[in-house]
Amino acid sequence: MAYEAGALDATLSAAAGDDPALFAELRHAFVESLKTHVDLLGRARCDGNWQVSAMRIKGLAASFQVWPLLALAEEALLCAPGEPVVIRKLQGFVAEFSDIEA
């Protein structure tokens, strides 16, 4: 899945204004939060923990207008806890996104 940074960057630019340091800090915070929630999703084994983790990823994606991530979060919400395919997709998204951030 190719990541399109346009909507996220526009959202972060609106929040950071002309401050490149703030922009970088917000982008880093987004990536770290995403990594944490994907990790929690990967470790979730009960319906409740899986749903909470997937909803947090969905909320993060919606807040920053990262539509491919939102679609993955919705896919996770439809899966059984521990579904390896959706976990790998999310981990791949995080890895690709982290490469863009670096």
PDB file of N, CA and C in Angstrom:
ATOM      1  N   MET A   1       0.857  -1.166   0.000  1.00  0.00           N
ATOM      2  CA  MET A   1       0.000   0.000   0.000  1.00  0.00           C
ATOM      3  C   MET A   1       0.902   1.227   0.000  1.00  0.00           C
ATOM      4  N   ALA A   2       0.733   2.075  -0.962  1.00  0.00           N
ATOM      5  CA  ALA A   2       1.523   3.303  -1.026  1.00  0.00           C
ATOM      6  C   ALA A   2       0.879   4.347  -0.125  1.00  0.00           C
ATOM      7  N   TYR A   3       1.676   4.956   0.683  1.00  0.00           N
ATOM      8  CA  TYR A   3       1.182   5.962   1.608  1.00  0.00           C
ATOM      9  C   TYR A   3       1.179   7.324   0.941  1.00  0.00           C
ATOM     10  N   GLU A   4       0.091   8.044   1.063  1.00  0.00           N
ATOM     11  CA  GLU A   4      -0.061   9.396   0.505  1.00  0.00           C
ATOM     12  C   GLU A   4      -0.037  10.364   1.676  1.00  0.00           C
ATOM     13  N   ALA A   5       0.995  11.160   1.777  1.00  0.00           N
ATOM     14  CA  ALA A   5       1.198  12.024   2.942  1.00  0.00           C
ATOM     15  C   ALA A   5       0.467  13.351   2.857  1.00  0.00           C
ATOM     16  N   GLY A   6      -0.179  13.651   1.740  1.00  0.00           N
ATOM     17  CA  GLY A   6      -0.758  14.967   1.530  1.00  0.00           C
ATOM     18  C   GLY A   6      -1.737  15.431   2.587  1.00  0.00           C
ATOM     19  N   ALA A   7      -2.746  14.627   2.882  1.00  0.00           N
ATOM     20  CA  ALA A   7      -3.774  15.051   3.839  1.00  0.00           C
ATOM     21  C   ALA A   7      -3.201  15.205   5.247  1.00  0.00           C
ATOM     22  N   LEU A   8      -2.354  14.268   5.659  1.00  0.00           N
ATOM     23  CA  LEU A   8      -1.744  14.372   6.985  1.00  0.00           C
ATOM     24  C   LEU A   8      -0.869  15.613   7.066  1.00  0.00           C
ATOM     25  N   ASP A   9      -0.034  15.826   6.065  1.00  0.00           N
ATOM     26  CA  ASP A   9       0.847  16.988   6.084  1.00  0.00           C
ATOM     27  C   ASP A   9       0.062  18.292   6.087  1.00  0.00           C
ATOM     28  N   ALA A  10      -1.048  18.330   5.362  1.00  0.00           N
ATOM     29  CA  ALA A  10      -1.883  19.531   5.349  1.00  0.00           C
ATOM     30  C   ALA A  10      -2.496  19.778   6.727  1.00  0.00           C
ATOM     31  N   THR A  11      -2.947  18.723   7.370  1.00  0.00           N
ATOM     32  CA  THR A  11      -3.527  18.845   8.710  1.00  0.00           C
ATOM     33  C   THR A  11      -2.476  19.323   9.711  1.00  0.00           C
ATOM     34  N   LEU A  12      -1.292  18.723   9.636  1.00  0.00           N
ATOM     35  CA  LEU A  12      -0.221  19.124  10.553  1.00  0.00           C
ATOM     36  C   LEU A  12       0.248  20.550  10.264  1.00  0.00           C
ATOM     37  N   SER A  13       0.307  20.934   9.002  1.00  0.00           N
ATOM     38  CA  SER A  13       0.705  22.302   8.646  1.00  0.00           C
ATOM     39  C   SER A  13      -0.283  23.319   9.184  1.00  0.00           C
ATOM     40  N   ALA A  14      -1.564  22.975   9.122  1.00  0.00           N
ATOM     41  CA  ALA A  14      -2.582  23.880   9.657  1.00  0.00           C
ATOM     42  C   ALA A  14      -2.399  24.076  11.154  1.00  0.00           C
ATOM     43  N   ALA A  15      -2.012  23.012  11.845  1.00  0.00           N
ATOM     44  CA  ALA A  15      -1.811  23.099  13.295  1.00  0.00           C
ATOM     45  C   ALA A  15      -0.496  23.780  13.648  1.00  0.00           C
ATOM     46  N   ALA A  16       0.551  23.526  12.873  1.00  0.00           N
ATOM     47  CA  ALA A  16       1.885  24.026  13.202  1.00  0.00           C
ATOM     48  C   ALA A  16       2.168  25.410  12.634  1.00  0.00           C
ATOM     49  N   GLY A  17       1.396  25.827  11.645  1.00  0.00           N
ATOM     50  CA  GLY A  17       1.668  27.118  11.021  1.00  0.00           C
ATOM     51  C   GLY A  17       3.007  27.105  10.320  1.00  0.00           C
ATOM     52  N   ASP A  18       3.798  28.131  10.549  1.00  0.00           N
ATOM     53  CA  ASP A  18       5.109  28.254   9.913  1.00  0.00           C
ATOM     54  C   ASP A  18       6.244  27.731  10.782  1.00  0.00           C
ATOM     55  N   ASP A  19       5.938  26.889  11.743  1.00  0.00           N
ATOM     56  CA  ASP A  19       6.944  26.374  12.673  1.00  0.00           C
ATOM     57  C   ASP A  19       7.344  24.949  12.279  1.00  0.00           C
ATOM     58  N   PRO A  20       8.478  24.789  11.571  1.00  0.00           N
ATOM     59  CA  PRO A  20       8.878  23.452  11.130  1.00  0.00           C
ATOM     60  C   PRO A  20       9.215  22.511  12.289  1.00  0.00           C
ATOM     61  N   ALA A  21       9.682  23.049  13.392  1.00  0.00           N
ATOM     62  CA  ALA A  21       9.990  22.208  14.552  1.00  0.00           C
ATOM     63  C   ALA A  21       8.709  21.626  15.142  1.00  0.00           C
ATOM     64  N   LEU A  22       7.670  22.443  15.228  1.00  0.00           N
ATOM     65  CA  LEU A  22       6.385  21.967  15.738  1.00  0.00           C
ATOM     66  C   LEU A  22       5.789  20.936  14.777  1.00  0.00           C
ATOM     67  N   PHE A  23       5.897  21.194  13.481  1.00  0.00           N
ATOM     68  CA  PHE A  23       5.415  20.247  12.474  1.00  0.00           C
ATOM     69  C   PHE A  23       6.087  18.888  12.680  1.00  0.00           C
ATOM     70  N   ALA A  24       7.407  18.882  12.819  1.00  0.00           N
ATOM     71  CA  ALA A  24       8.158  17.634  13.011  1.00  0.00           C
ATOM     72  C   ALA A  24       7.756  16.949  14.309  1.00  0.00           C
ATOM     73  N   GLU A  25       7.544  17.729  15.356  1.00  0.00           N
ATOM     74  CA  GLU A  25       7.147  17.169  16.644  1.00  0.00           C
ATOM     75  C   GLU A  25       5.761  16.526  16.567  1.00  0.00           C
ATOM     76  N   LEU A  26       4.824  17.190  15.903  1.00  0.00           N
ATOM     77  CA  LEU A  26       3.482  16.637  15.748  1.00  0.00           C
ATOM     78  C   LEU A  26       3.506  15.358  14.908  1.00  0.00           C
ATOM     79  N   ARG A  27       4.285  15.362  13.849  1.00  0.00           N
ATOM     80  CA  ARG A  27       4.392  14.182  12.979  1.00  0.00           C
ATOM     81  C   ARG A  27       4.989  13.007  13.759  1.00  0.00           C
ATOM     82  N   HIS A  28       6.020  13.293  14.548  1.00  0.00           N
ATOM     83  CA  HIS A  28       6.648  12.254  15.363  1.00  0.00           C
ATOM     84  C   HIS A  28       5.652  11.709  16.401  1.00  0.00           C
ATOM     85  N   ALA A  29       4.891  12.584  17.019  1.00  0.00           N
ATOM     86  CA  ALA A  29       3.901  12.157  18.011  1.00  0.00           C
ATOM     87  C   ALA A  29       2.844  11.255  17.364  1.00  0.00           C
ATOM     88  N   PHE A  30       2.433  11.602  16.144  1.00  0.00           N
ATOM     89  CA  PHE A  30       1.474  10.776  15.416  1.00  0.00           C
ATOM     90  C   PHE A  30       2.051   9.375  15.199  1.00  0.00           C
ATOM     91  N   VAL A  31       3.284   9.305  14.715  1.00  0.00           N
ATOM     92  CA  VAL A  31       3.928   8.014  14.431  1.00  0.00           C
ATOM     93  C   VAL A  31       4.063   7.185  15.706  1.00  0.00           C
ATOM     94  N   GLU A  32       4.498   7.790  16.786  1.00  0.00           N
ATOM     95  CA  GLU A  32       4.679   7.055  18.038  1.00  0.00           C
ATOM     96  C   GLU A  32       3.346   6.549  18.579  1.00  0.00           C
ATOM     97  N   SER A  33       2.317   7.370  18.492  1.00  0.00           N
ATOM     98  CA  SER A  33       0.994   6.940  18.934  1.00  0.00           C
ATOM     99  C   SER A  33       0.497   5.779  18.080  1.00  0.00           C
ATOM    100  N   LEU A  34       0.682   5.889  16.780  1.00  0.00           N
ATOM    101  CA  LEU A  34       0.264   4.817  15.881  1.00  0.00           C
ATOM    102  C   LEU A  34       1.001   3.521  16.200  1.00  0.00           C
ATOM    103  N   LYS A  35       2.308   3.605  16.410  1.00  0.00           N
ATOM    104  CA  LYS A  35       3.093   2.409  16.749  1.00  0.00           C
ATOM    105  C   LYS A  35       2.561   1.753  18.023  1.00  0.00           C
ATOM    106  N   THR A  36       2.265   2.562  19.026  1.00  0.00           N
ATOM    107  CA  THR A  36       1.763   2.038  20.297  1.00  0.00           C
ATOM    108  C   THR A  36       0.439   1.314  20.108  1.00  0.00           C
ATOM    109  N   HIS A  37      -0.479   1.945  19.384  1.00  0.00           N
ATOM    110  CA  HIS A  37      -1.803   1.346  19.219  1.00  0.00           C
ATOM    111  C   HIS A  37      -1.766   0.092  18.345  1.00  0.00           C
ATOM    112  N   VAL A  38      -0.919   0.069  17.340  1.00  0.00           N
ATOM    113  CA  VAL A  38      -0.789  -1.136  16.519  1.00  0.00           C
ATOM    114  C   VAL A  38      -0.176  -2.265  17.345  1.00  0.00           C
ATOM    115  N   ASP A  39       0.788  -1.934  18.191  1.00  0.00           N
ATOM    116  CA  ASP A  39       1.376  -2.937  19.080  1.00  0.00           C
ATOM    117  C   ASP A  39       0.316  -3.501  20.029  1.00  0.00           C
ATOM    118  N   LEU A  40      -0.497  -2.626  20.615  1.00  0.00           N
ATOM    119  CA  LEU A  40      -1.558  -3.083  21.514  1.00  0.00           C
ATOM    120  C   LEU A  40      -2.561  -3.960  20.776  1.00  0.00           C
ATOM    121  N   LEU A  41      -2.890  -3.590  19.560  1.00  0.00           N
ATOM    122  CA  LEU A  41      -3.803  -4.394  18.759  1.00  0.00           C
ATOM    123  C   LEU A  41      -3.199  -5.778  18.520  1.00  0.00           C
ATOM    124  N   GLY A  42      -1.920  -5.812  18.204  1.00  0.00           N
ATOM    125  CA  GLY A  42      -1.258  -7.083  17.953  1.00  0.00           C
ATOM    126  C   GLY A  42      -1.216  -8.000  19.164  1.00  0.00           C
ATOM    127  N   ARG A  43      -1.255  -7.419  20.344  1.00  0.00           N
ATOM    128  CA  ARG A  43      -1.214  -8.223  21.571  1.00  0.00           C
ATOM    129  C   ARG A  43      -2.594  -8.522  22.125  1.00  0.00           C
ATOM    130  N   ALA A  44      -3.640  -7.885  21.570  1.00  0.00           N
ATOM    131  CA  ALA A  44      -5.012  -8.084  22.057  1.00  0.00           C
ATOM    132  C   ALA A  44      -5.508  -9.479  21.685  1.00  0.00           C
ATOM    133  N   ARG A  45      -6.114 -10.160  22.639  1.00  0.00           N
ATOM    134  CA  ARG A  45      -6.646 -11.491  22.373  1.00  0.00           C
ATOM    135  C   ARG A  45      -8.134 -11.598  22.714  1.00  0.00           C
ATOM    136  N   CYS A  46      -8.664 -10.616  23.392  1.00  0.00           N
ATOM    137  CA  CYS A  46     -10.091 -10.653  23.685  1.00  0.00           C
ATOM    138  C   CYS A  46     -10.793  -9.581  22.849  1.00  0.00           C
ATOM    139  N   ASP A  47     -12.084  -9.769  22.657  1.00  0.00           N
ATOM    140  CA  ASP A  47     -12.868  -8.844  21.837  1.00  0.00           C
ATOM    141  C   ASP A  47     -12.758  -7.405  22.318  1.00  0.00           C
ATOM    142  N   GLY A  48     -12.831  -7.201  23.623  1.00  0.00           N
ATOM    143  CA  GLY A  48     -12.817  -5.846  24.166  1.00  0.00           C
ATOM    144  C   GLY A  48     -11.529  -5.102  23.869  1.00  0.00           C
ATOM    145  N   ASN A  49     -10.395  -5.739  24.152  1.00  0.00           N
ATOM    146  CA  ASN A  49      -9.105  -5.091  23.901  1.00  0.00           C
ATOM    147  C   ASN A  49      -8.881  -4.852  22.413  1.00  0.00           C
ATOM    148  N   TRP A  50      -9.283  -5.819  21.589  1.00  0.00           N
ATOM    149  CA  TRP A  50      -9.144  -5.681  20.137  1.00  0.00           C
ATOM    150  C   TRP A  50      -9.968  -4.488  19.639  1.00  0.00           C
ATOM    151  N   GLN A  51     -11.216  -4.413  20.077  1.00  0.00           N
ATOM    152  CA  GLN A  51     -12.101  -3.330  19.631  1.00  0.00           C
ATOM    153  C   GLN A  51     -11.588  -1.958  20.081  1.00  0.00           C
ATOM    154  N   VAL A  52     -11.133  -1.867  21.326  1.00  0.00           N
ATOM    155  CA  VAL A  52     -10.620  -0.596  21.830  1.00  0.00           C
ATOM    156  C   VAL A  52      -9.395  -0.155  21.037  1.00  0.00           C
ATOM    157  N   SER A  53      -8.482  -1.076  20.793  1.00  0.00           N
ATOM    158  CA  SER A  53      -7.270  -0.737  20.044  1.00  0.00           C
ATOM    159  C   SER A  53      -7.600  -0.325  18.612  1.00  0.00           C
ATOM    160  N   ALA A  54      -8.487  -1.059  17.967  1.00  0.00           N
ATOM    161  CA  ALA A  54      -8.872  -0.725  16.594  1.00  0.00           C
ATOM    162  C   ALA A  54      -9.587   0.625  16.535  1.00  0.00           C
ATOM    163  N   MET A  55     -10.424   0.900  17.516  1.00  0.00           N
ATOM    164  CA  MET A  55     -11.121   2.204  17.548  1.00  0.00           C
ATOM    165  C   MET A  55     -10.145   3.349  17.790  1.00  0.00           C
ATOM    166  N   ARG A  56      -9.124   3.131  18.583  1.00  0.00           N
ATOM    167  CA  ARG A  56      -8.119   4.176  18.805  1.00  0.00           C
ATOM    168  C   ARG A  56      -7.339   4.456  17.523  1.00  0.00           C
ATOM    169  N   ILE A  57      -7.011   3.406  16.783  1.00  0.00           N
ATOM    170  CA  ILE A  57      -6.333   3.599  15.497  1.00  0.00           C
ATOM    171  C   ILE A  57      -7.264   4.338  14.538  1.00  0.00           C
ATOM    172  N   LYS A  58      -8.515   3.950  14.527  1.00  0.00           N
ATOM    173  CA  LYS A  58      -9.494   4.618  13.655  1.00  0.00           C
ATOM    174  C   LYS A  58      -9.638   6.095  14.028  1.00  0.00           C
ATOM    175  N   GLY A  59      -9.695   6.387  15.308  1.00  0.00           N
ATOM    176  CA  GLY A  59      -9.794   7.777  15.752  1.00  0.00           C
ATOM    177  C   GLY A  59      -8.570   8.597  15.383  1.00  0.00           C
ATOM    178  N   LEU A  60      -7.411   7.998  15.539  1.00  0.00           N
ATOM    179  CA  LEU A  60      -6.165   8.669  15.161  1.00  0.00           C
ATOM    180  C   LEU A  60      -6.155   8.960  13.666  1.00  0.00           C
ATOM    181  N   ALA A  61      -6.548   7.967  12.879  1.00  0.00           N
ATOM    182  CA  ALA A  61      -6.585   8.130  11.421  1.00  0.00           C
ATOM    183  C   ALA A  61      -7.583   9.202  11.006  1.00  0.00           C
ATOM    184  N   ALA A  62      -8.748   9.200  11.616  1.00  0.00           N
ATOM    185  CA  ALA A  62      -9.773  10.186  11.268  1.00  0.00           C
ATOM    186  C   ALA A  62      -9.354  11.591  11.691  1.00  0.00           C
ATOM    187  N   SER A  63      -8.746  11.707  12.842  1.00  0.00           N
ATOM    188  CA  SER A  63      -8.326  13.021  13.339  1.00  0.00           C
ATOM    189  C   SER A  63      -7.310  13.685  12.419  1.00  0.00           C
ATOM    190  N   PHE A  64      -6.447  12.863  11.816  1.00  0.00           N
ATOM    191  CA  PHE A  64      -5.390  13.404  10.964  1.00  0.00           C
ATOM    192  C   PHE A  64      -5.643  13.156   9.479  1.00  0.00           C
ATOM    193  N   GLN A  65      -6.838  12.669   9.154  1.00  0.00           N
ATOM    194  CA  GLN A  65      -7.270  12.460   7.769  1.00  0.00           C
ATOM    195  C   GLN A  65      -6.342  11.535   6.987  1.00  0.00           C
ATOM    196  N   VAL A  66      -5.952  10.432   7.618  1.00  0.00           N
ATOM    197  CA  VAL A  66      -5.119   9.423   6.972  1.00  0.00           C
ATOM    198  C   VAL A  66      -6.062   8.293   6.545  1.00  0.00           C
ATOM    199  N   TRP A  67      -6.656   8.464   5.372  1.00  0.00           N
ATOM    200  CA  TRP A  67      -7.738   7.587   4.916  1.00  0.00           C
ATOM    201  C   TRP A  67      -7.329   6.131   4.718  1.00  0.00           C
ATOM    202  N   PRO A  68      -6.135   5.828   4.193  1.00  0.00           N
ATOM    203  CA  PRO A  68      -5.767   4.405   4.096  1.00  0.00           C
ATOM    204  C   PRO A  68      -5.680   3.730   5.472  1.00  0.00           C
ATOM    205  N   LEU A  69      -5.207   4.458   6.461  1.00  0.00           N
ATOM    206  CA  LEU A  69      -5.146   3.922   7.818  1.00  0.00           C
ATOM    207  C   LEU A  69      -6.546   3.740   8.381  1.00  0.00           C
ATOM    208  N   LEU A  70      -7.440   4.654   8.092  1.00  0.00           N
ATOM    209  CA  LEU A  70      -8.826   4.532   8.543  1.00  0.00           C
ATOM    210  C   LEU A  70      -9.445   3.254   7.977  1.00  0.00           C
ATOM    211  N   ALA A  71      -9.194   2.975   6.706  1.00  0.00           N
ATOM    212  CA  ALA A  71      -9.726   1.754   6.086  1.00  0.00           C
ATOM    213  C   ALA A  71      -9.169   0.505   6.767  1.00  0.00           C
ATOM    214  N   LEU A  72      -7.888   0.522   7.111  1.00  0.00           N
ATOM    215  CA  LEU A  72      -7.295  -0.620   7.810  1.00  0.00           C
ATOM    216  C   LEU A  72      -7.895  -0.797   9.203  1.00  0.00           C
ATOM    217  N   ALA A  73      -8.141   0.302   9.883  1.00  0.00           N
ATOM    218  CA  ALA A  73      -8.759   0.227  11.211  1.00  0.00           C
ATOM    219  C   ALA A  73     -10.172  -0.340  11.114  1.00  0.00           C
ATOM    220  N   GLU A  74     -10.910   0.074  10.106  1.00  0.00           N
ATOM    221  CA  GLU A  74     -12.262  -0.465   9.917  1.00  0.00           C
ATOM    222  C   GLU A  74     -12.205  -1.956   9.591  1.00  0.00           C
ATOM    223  N   GLU A  75     -11.207  -2.356   8.805  1.00  0.00           N
ATOM    224  CA  GLU A  75     -11.025  -3.780   8.518  1.00  0.00           C
ATOM    225  C   GLU A  75     -10.754  -4.549   9.812  1.00  0.00           C
ATOM    226  N   ALA A  76      -9.928  -3.982  10.682  1.00  0.00           N
ATOM    227  CA  ALA A  76      -9.622  -4.631  11.956  1.00  0.00           C
ATOM    228  C   ALA A  76     -10.879  -4.782  12.813  1.00  0.00           C
ATOM    229  N   LEU A  77     -11.749  -3.784  12.779  1.00  0.00           N
ATOM    230  CA  LEU A  77     -12.979  -3.851  13.563  1.00  0.00           C
ATOM    231  C   LEU A  77     -13.890  -4.993  13.120  1.00  0.00           C
ATOM    232  N   LEU A  78     -13.747  -5.401  11.871  1.00  0.00           N
ATOM    233  CA  LEU A  78     -14.580  -6.484  11.342  1.00  0.00           C
ATOM    234  C   LEU A  78     -13.955  -7.867  11.556  1.00  0.00           C
ATOM    235  N   CYS A  79     -12.708  -7.907  12.003  1.00  0.00           N
ATOM    236  CA  CYS A  79     -11.974  -9.167  12.166  1.00  0.00           C
ATOM    237  C   CYS A  79     -12.077  -9.691  13.592  1.00  0.00           C
ATOM    238  N   ALA A  80     -11.742 -10.964  13.715  1.00  0.00           N
ATOM    239  CA  ALA A  80     -11.638 -11.574  15.040  1.00  0.00           C
ATOM    240  C   ALA A  80     -10.342 -11.122  15.705  1.00  0.00           C
ATOM    241  N   PRO A  81     -10.322 -11.038  17.028  1.00  0.00           N
ATOM    242  CA  PRO A  81      -9.097 -10.662  17.727  1.00  0.00           C
ATOM    243  C   PRO A  81      -7.927 -11.556  17.329  1.00  0.00           C
ATOM    244  N   GLY A  82      -6.778 -10.917  17.082  1.00  0.00           N
ATOM    245  CA  GLY A  82      -5.573 -11.647  16.729  1.00  0.00           C
ATOM    246  C   GLY A  82      -5.445 -11.974  15.257  1.00  0.00           C
ATOM    247  N   GLU A  83      -6.339 -11.470  14.422  1.00  0.00           N
ATOM    248  CA  GLU A  83      -6.299 -11.757  12.981  1.00  0.00           C
ATOM    249  C   GLU A  83      -4.948 -11.334  12.407  1.00  0.00           C
ATOM    250  N   PRO A  84      -4.125 -12.307  12.003  1.00  0.00           N
ATOM    251  CA  PRO A  84      -2.759 -11.977  11.590  1.00  0.00           C
ATOM    252  C   PRO A  84      -2.664 -11.157  10.308  1.00  0.00           C
ATOM    253  N   VAL A  85      -3.614 -11.305   9.407  1.00  0.00           N
ATOM    254  CA  VAL A  85      -3.537 -10.573   8.137  1.00  0.00           C
ATOM    255  C   VAL A  85      -3.669  -9.075   8.368  1.00  0.00           C
ATOM    256  N   VAL A  86      -4.651  -8.674   9.148  1.00  0.00           N
ATOM    257  CA  VAL A  86      -4.853  -7.241   9.376  1.00  0.00           C
ATOM    258  C   VAL A  86      -3.723  -6.671  10.234  1.00  0.00           C
ATOM    259  N   ILE A  87      -3.210  -7.456  11.155  1.00  0.00           N
ATOM    260  CA  ILE A  87      -2.078  -6.991  11.969  1.00  0.00           C
ATOM    261  C   ILE A  87      -0.863  -6.741  11.074  1.00  0.00           C
ATOM    262  N   ARG A  88      -0.591  -7.662  10.162  1.00  0.00           N
ATOM    263  CA  ARG A  88       0.548  -7.480   9.243  1.00  0.00           C
ATOM    264  C   ARG A  88       0.340  -6.258   8.352  1.00  0.00           C
ATOM    265  N   LYS A  89      -0.871  -6.041   7.900  1.00  0.00           N
ATOM    266  CA  LYS A  89      -1.152  -4.860   7.073  1.00  0.00           C
ATOM    267  C   LYS A  89      -0.877  -3.578   7.847  1.00  0.00           C
ATOM    268  N   LEU A  90      -1.328  -3.534   9.088  1.00  0.00           N
ATOM    269  CA  LEU A  90      -1.100  -2.350   9.923  1.00  0.00           C
ATOM    270  C   LEU A  90       0.381  -2.173  10.242  1.00  0.00           C
ATOM    271  N   GLN A  91       1.065  -3.258  10.535  1.00  0.00           N
ATOM    272  CA  GLN A  91       2.502  -3.166  10.796  1.00  0.00           C
ATOM    273  C   GLN A  91       3.244  -2.694   9.555  1.00  0.00           C
ATOM    274  N   GLY A  92       2.822  -3.149   8.386  1.00  0.00           N
ATOM    275  CA  GLY A  92       3.425  -2.693   7.138  1.00  0.00           C
ATOM    276  C   GLY A  92       3.180  -1.215   6.909  1.00  0.00           C
ATOM    277  N   PHE A  93       1.978  -0.752   7.239  1.00  0.00           N
ATOM    278  CA  PHE A  93       1.658   0.665   7.119  1.00  0.00           C
ATOM    279  C   PHE A  93       2.553   1.481   8.039  1.00  0.00           C
ATOM    280  N   VAL A  94       2.712   1.029   9.268  1.00  0.00           N
ATOM    281  CA  VAL A  94       3.569   1.734  10.226  1.00  0.00           C
ATOM    282  C   VAL A  94       5.003   1.792   9.715  1.00  0.00           C
ATOM    283  N   ALA A  95       5.501   0.673   9.199  1.00  0.00           N
ATOM    284  CA  ALA A  95       6.879   0.625   8.706  1.00  0.00           C
ATOM    285  C   ALA A  95       7.051   1.587   7.528  1.00  0.00           C
ATOM    286  N   GLU A  96       6.107   1.578   6.605  1.00  0.00           N
ATOM    287  CA  GLU A  96       6.198   2.468   5.443  1.00  0.00           C
ATOM    288  C   GLU A  96       6.077   3.926   5.886  1.00  0.00           C
ATOM    289  N   PHE A  97       5.185   4.188   6.788  1.00  0.00           N
ATOM    290  CA  PHE A  97       4.988   5.540   7.283  1.00  0.00           C
ATOM    291  C   PHE A  97       6.226   6.020   8.025  1.00  0.00           C
ATOM    292  N   SER A  98       6.828   5.153   8.811  1.00  0.00           N
ATOM    293  CA  SER A  98       8.039   5.523   9.562  1.00  0.00           C
ATOM    294  C   SER A  98       9.184   5.837   8.621  1.00  0.00           C
ATOM    295  N   ASP A  99       9.277   5.134   7.495  1.00  0.00           N
ATOM    296  CA  ASP A  99      10.308   5.407   6.499  1.00  0.00           C
ATOM    297  C   ASP A  99      10.126   6.809   5.912  1.00  0.00           C
ATOM    298  N   ILE A 100       8.889   7.207   5.701  1.00  0.00           N
ATOM    299  CA  ILE A 100       8.594   8.541   5.152  1.00  0.00           C
ATOM    300  C   ILE A 100       8.983   9.609   6.158  1.00  0.00           C
ATOM    301  N   GLU A 101       8.738   9.324   7.459  1.00  0.00           N
ATOM    302  CA  GLU A 101       9.041  10.305   8.496  1.00  0.00           C
ATOM    303  C   GLU A 101      10.535  10.547   8.611  1.00  0.00           C
ATOM    304  N   ALA A 102      11.329   9.506   8.445  1.00  0.00           N
ATOM    305  CA  ALA A 102      12.779   9.609   8.673  1.00  0.00           C
ATOM    306  C   ALA A 102      13.487  10.533   7.739  1.00  0.00           C
TER     307      ALA A 102
END
